[in-house]
Amino acid sequence: MEARAMARHVRGSAKKYRQVVALIRGKSVQEALNILQFVPKAAAGPLEKTVRSAAANAVNMDDSGELDAENLHIKIVSVDGGPAQKRIHYGPRGMASRMKKRSSHITVVVSDD
């Protein structure tokens, strides 16, 4: 059985999230949560929340009550770029430059296979 969770419009660039995603890809859910708890990156917080949500979705989808969160492993983790907020950064001598505040979409699929 598969279950998925998505976190959309999360602040932070997809490139920074992918560095942390590489650490948890293919691991069990419990091991991934342990890793994310001690990773000193800001991207670990939203990723941990999304992994917990996917695990909870899997447990709640199972009507028989036999599925345990300890048996789940991460099947797919992907991070895609979301919309960027464009802002102006003011500089010296009346100059200005564009600044992009990037966002990301996180998708986590867990499975008991």
C-alpha atoms as a PDB file:
ATOM      1  CA  MET A   1       0.000   0.000   0.000  1.00  0.00           C
ATOM      2  CA  GLU A   2       1.266   3.439  -0.886  1.00  0.00           C
ATOM      3  CA  ALA A   3       0.452   6.777   0.638  1.00  0.00           C
ATOM      4  CA  ARG A   4       1.679  10.205  -0.292  1.00  0.00           C
ATOM      5  CA  ALA A   5       1.908  13.671   1.141  1.00  0.00           C
ATOM      6  CA  MET A   6       2.695  16.973  -0.528  1.00  0.00           C
ATOM      7  CA  ALA A   7       3.900  20.248   0.884  1.00  0.00           C
ATOM      8  CA  ARG A   8       3.466  23.051  -1.611  1.00  0.00           C
ATOM      9  CA  HIS A   9       4.798  26.599  -1.686  1.00  0.00           C
ATOM     10  CA  VAL A  10       7.400  25.908   1.003  1.00  0.00           C
ATOM     11  CA  ARG A  11       9.916  28.746   1.304  1.00  0.00           C
ATOM     12  CA  GLY A  12      13.417  27.815   0.219  1.00  0.00           C
ATOM     13  CA  SER A  13      15.051  26.827  -3.029  1.00  0.00           C
ATOM     14  CA  ALA A  14      14.679  23.331  -4.419  1.00  0.00           C
ATOM     15  CA  LYS A  15      18.462  23.018  -4.693  1.00  0.00           C
ATOM     16  CA  LYS A  16      18.862  23.340  -0.913  1.00  0.00           C
ATOM     17  CA  TYR A  17      16.044  20.858  -0.238  1.00  0.00           C
ATOM     18  CA  ARG A  18      17.570  18.294  -2.609  1.00  0.00           C
ATOM     19  CA  GLN A  19      20.758  18.220  -0.524  1.00  0.00           C
ATOM     20  CA  VAL A  20      18.775  16.981   2.474  1.00  0.00           C
ATOM     21  CA  VAL A  21      16.498  14.708   0.408  1.00  0.00           C
ATOM     22  CA  ALA A  22      19.550  12.765  -0.776  1.00  0.00           C
ATOM     23  CA  LEU A  23      20.179  11.706   2.835  1.00  0.00           C
ATOM     24  CA  ILE A  24      16.764  10.050   3.338  1.00  0.00           C
ATOM     25  CA  ARG A  25      15.926   8.581  -0.071  1.00  0.00           C
ATOM     26  CA  GLY A  26      15.211   4.833   0.203  1.00  0.00           C
ATOM     27  CA  LYS A  27      15.442   4.666   3.997  1.00  0.00           C
ATOM     28  CA  SER A  28      12.770   3.486   6.408  1.00  0.00           C
ATOM     29  CA  VAL A  29      10.464   6.154   7.788  1.00  0.00           C
ATOM     30  CA  GLN A  30      11.797   5.858  11.322  1.00  0.00           C
ATOM     31  CA  GLU A  31      15.408   6.079  10.162  1.00  0.00           C
ATOM     32  CA  ALA A  32      14.597   9.067   7.944  1.00  0.00           C
ATOM     33  CA  LEU A  33      12.945  10.912  10.843  1.00  0.00           C
ATOM     34  CA  ASN A  34      16.005  10.257  13.011  1.00  0.00           C
ATOM     35  CA  ILE A  35      18.290  11.639  10.313  1.00  0.00           C
ATOM     36  CA  LEU A  36      16.141  14.718   9.717  1.00  0.00           C
ATOM     37  CA  GLN A  37      16.006  15.488  13.423  1.00  0.00           C
ATOM     38  CA  PHE A  38      19.773  16.005  13.589  1.00  0.00           C
ATOM     39  CA  VAL A  39      20.521  17.555  10.186  1.00  0.00           C
ATOM     40  CA  PRO A  40      21.633  21.177  10.775  1.00  0.00           C
ATOM     41  CA  LYS A  41      19.778  22.582   7.748  1.00  0.00           C
ATOM     42  CA  ALA A  42      16.629  24.680   7.661  1.00  0.00           C
ATOM     43  CA  ALA A  43      15.214  22.398   4.963  1.00  0.00           C
ATOM     44  CA  ALA A  44      15.023  19.472   7.410  1.00  0.00           C
ATOM     45  CA  GLY A  45      11.997  20.894   9.270  1.00  0.00           C
ATOM     46  CA  PRO A  46       9.473  20.963   6.407  1.00  0.00           C
ATOM     47  CA  LEU A  47      10.805  17.642   5.101  1.00  0.00           C
ATOM     48  CA  GLU A  48      10.292  15.991   8.490  1.00  0.00           C
ATOM     49  CA  LYS A  49       6.753  17.341   8.643  1.00  0.00           C
ATOM     50  CA  THR A  50       5.969  15.970   5.174  1.00  0.00           C
ATOM     51  CA  VAL A  51       7.422  12.523   5.951  1.00  0.00           C
ATOM     52  CA  ARG A  52       5.351  12.359   9.159  1.00  0.00           C
ATOM     53  CA  SER A  53       2.250  13.321   7.186  1.00  0.00           C
ATOM     54  CA  ALA A  54       2.843  10.626   4.563  1.00  0.00           C
ATOM     55  CA  ALA A  55       3.314   7.989   7.280  1.00  0.00           C
ATOM     56  CA  ALA A  56       0.120   9.092   9.022  1.00  0.00           C
ATOM     57  CA  ASN A  57      -1.752   8.960   5.708  1.00  0.00           C
ATOM     58  CA  ALA A  58      -0.580   5.371   5.177  1.00  0.00           C
ATOM     59  CA  VAL A  59      -1.672   4.273   8.644  1.00  0.00           C
ATOM     60  CA  ASN A  60      -5.078   5.952   8.267  1.00  0.00           C
ATOM     61  CA  MET A  61      -5.658   4.471   4.778  1.00  0.00           C
ATOM     62  CA  ASP A  62      -5.373   0.931   6.096  1.00  0.00           C
ATOM     63  CA  ASP A  63      -8.844  -0.152   7.263  1.00  0.00           C
ATOM     64  CA  SER A  64      -7.717  -3.445   8.778  1.00  0.00           C
ATOM     65  CA  GLY A  65      -5.436  -1.763  11.321  1.00  0.00           C
ATOM     66  CA  GLU A  66      -2.570  -4.150  10.573  1.00  0.00           C
ATOM     67  CA  LEU A  67      -0.225  -1.559   9.063  1.00  0.00           C
ATOM     68  CA  ASP A  68       2.382  -0.187  11.438  1.00  0.00           C
ATOM     69  CA  ALA A  69       4.449   2.935  10.829  1.00  0.00           C
ATOM     70  CA  GLU A  70       7.638   1.004  11.632  1.00  0.00           C
ATOM     71  CA  ASN A  71       7.208  -1.173   8.509  1.00  0.00           C
ATOM     72  CA  LEU A  72       7.030   1.764   6.104  1.00  0.00           C
ATOM     73  CA  HIS A  73       9.899   2.937   3.938  1.00  0.00           C
ATOM     74  CA  ILE A  74      10.296   5.952   1.695  1.00  0.00           C
ATOM     75  CA  LYS A  75       9.671   4.975  -1.900  1.00  0.00           C
ATOM     76  CA  ILE A  76       9.796   8.355  -3.676  1.00  0.00           C
ATOM     77  CA  VAL A  77      10.943  11.770  -2.491  1.00  0.00           C
ATOM     78  CA  SER A  78      10.968  14.599  -4.987  1.00  0.00           C
ATOM     79  CA  VAL A  79      11.424  18.332  -4.727  1.00  0.00           C
ATOM     80  CA  ASP A  80      10.309  20.594  -7.535  1.00  0.00           C
ATOM     81  CA  GLY A  81      10.662  24.314  -7.875  1.00  0.00           C
ATOM     82  CA  GLY A  82       7.638  26.417  -7.082  1.00  0.00           C
ATOM     83  CA  PRO A  83       6.797  30.011  -7.899  1.00  0.00           C
ATOM     84  CA  ALA A  84       9.300  32.690  -6.997  1.00  0.00           C
ATOM     85  CA  GLN A  85       8.340  36.016  -5.459  1.00  0.00           C
ATOM     86  CA  LYS A  86      10.118  38.808  -7.266  1.00  0.00           C
ATOM     87  CA  ARG A  87      11.269  41.675  -5.095  1.00  0.00           C
ATOM     88  CA  ILE A  88      13.503  44.697  -5.532  1.00  0.00           C
ATOM     89  CA  HIS A  89      16.749  44.965  -3.596  1.00  0.00           C
ATOM     90  CA  TYR A  90      17.856  48.577  -3.309  1.00  0.00           C
ATOM     91  CA  GLY A  91      21.534  49.342  -3.674  1.00  0.00           C
ATOM     92  CA  PRO A  92      23.839  52.349  -3.504  1.00  0.00           C
ATOM     93  CA  ARG A  93      23.660  55.333  -5.869  1.00  0.00           C
ATOM     94  CA  GLY A  94      19.949  54.826  -6.521  1.00  0.00           C
ATOM     95  CA  MET A  95      20.468  51.462  -8.221  1.00  0.00           C
ATOM     96  CA  ALA A  96      18.187  48.480  -7.738  1.00  0.00           C
ATOM     97  CA  SER A  97      18.382  44.816  -8.636  1.00  0.00           C
ATOM     98  CA  ARG A  98      15.909  41.940  -8.746  1.00  0.00           C
ATOM     99  CA  MET A  99      15.759  39.424  -5.925  1.00  0.00           C
ATOM    100  CA  LYS A 100      13.922  36.109  -6.178  1.00  0.00           C
ATOM    101  CA  LYS A 101      12.455  34.548  -3.057  1.00  0.00           C
ATOM    102  CA  ARG A 102      12.156  30.962  -4.211  1.00  0.00           C
ATOM    103  CA  SER A 103       9.706  28.309  -3.080  1.00  0.00           C
ATOM    104  CA  SER A 104       9.470  24.535  -3.538  1.00  0.00           C
ATOM    105  CA  HIS A 105       6.980  21.688  -3.763  1.00  0.00           C
ATOM    106  CA  ILE A 106       7.873  18.565  -1.738  1.00  0.00           C
ATOM    107  CA  THR A 107       6.329  15.159  -2.546  1.00  0.00           C
ATOM    108  CA  VAL A 108       6.873  12.090  -0.342  1.00  0.00           C
ATOM    109  CA  VAL A 109       5.533   8.609  -1.153  1.00  0.00           C
ATOM    110  CA  VAL A 110       5.814   5.865   1.477  1.00  0.00           C
ATOM    111  CA  SER A 111       5.150   2.167   0.977  1.00  0.00           C
ATOM    112  CA  ASP A 112       5.064  -1.031   3.018  1.00  0.00           C
ATOM    113  CA  ASP A 113       6.435  -3.237   0.206  1.00  0.00           C
END
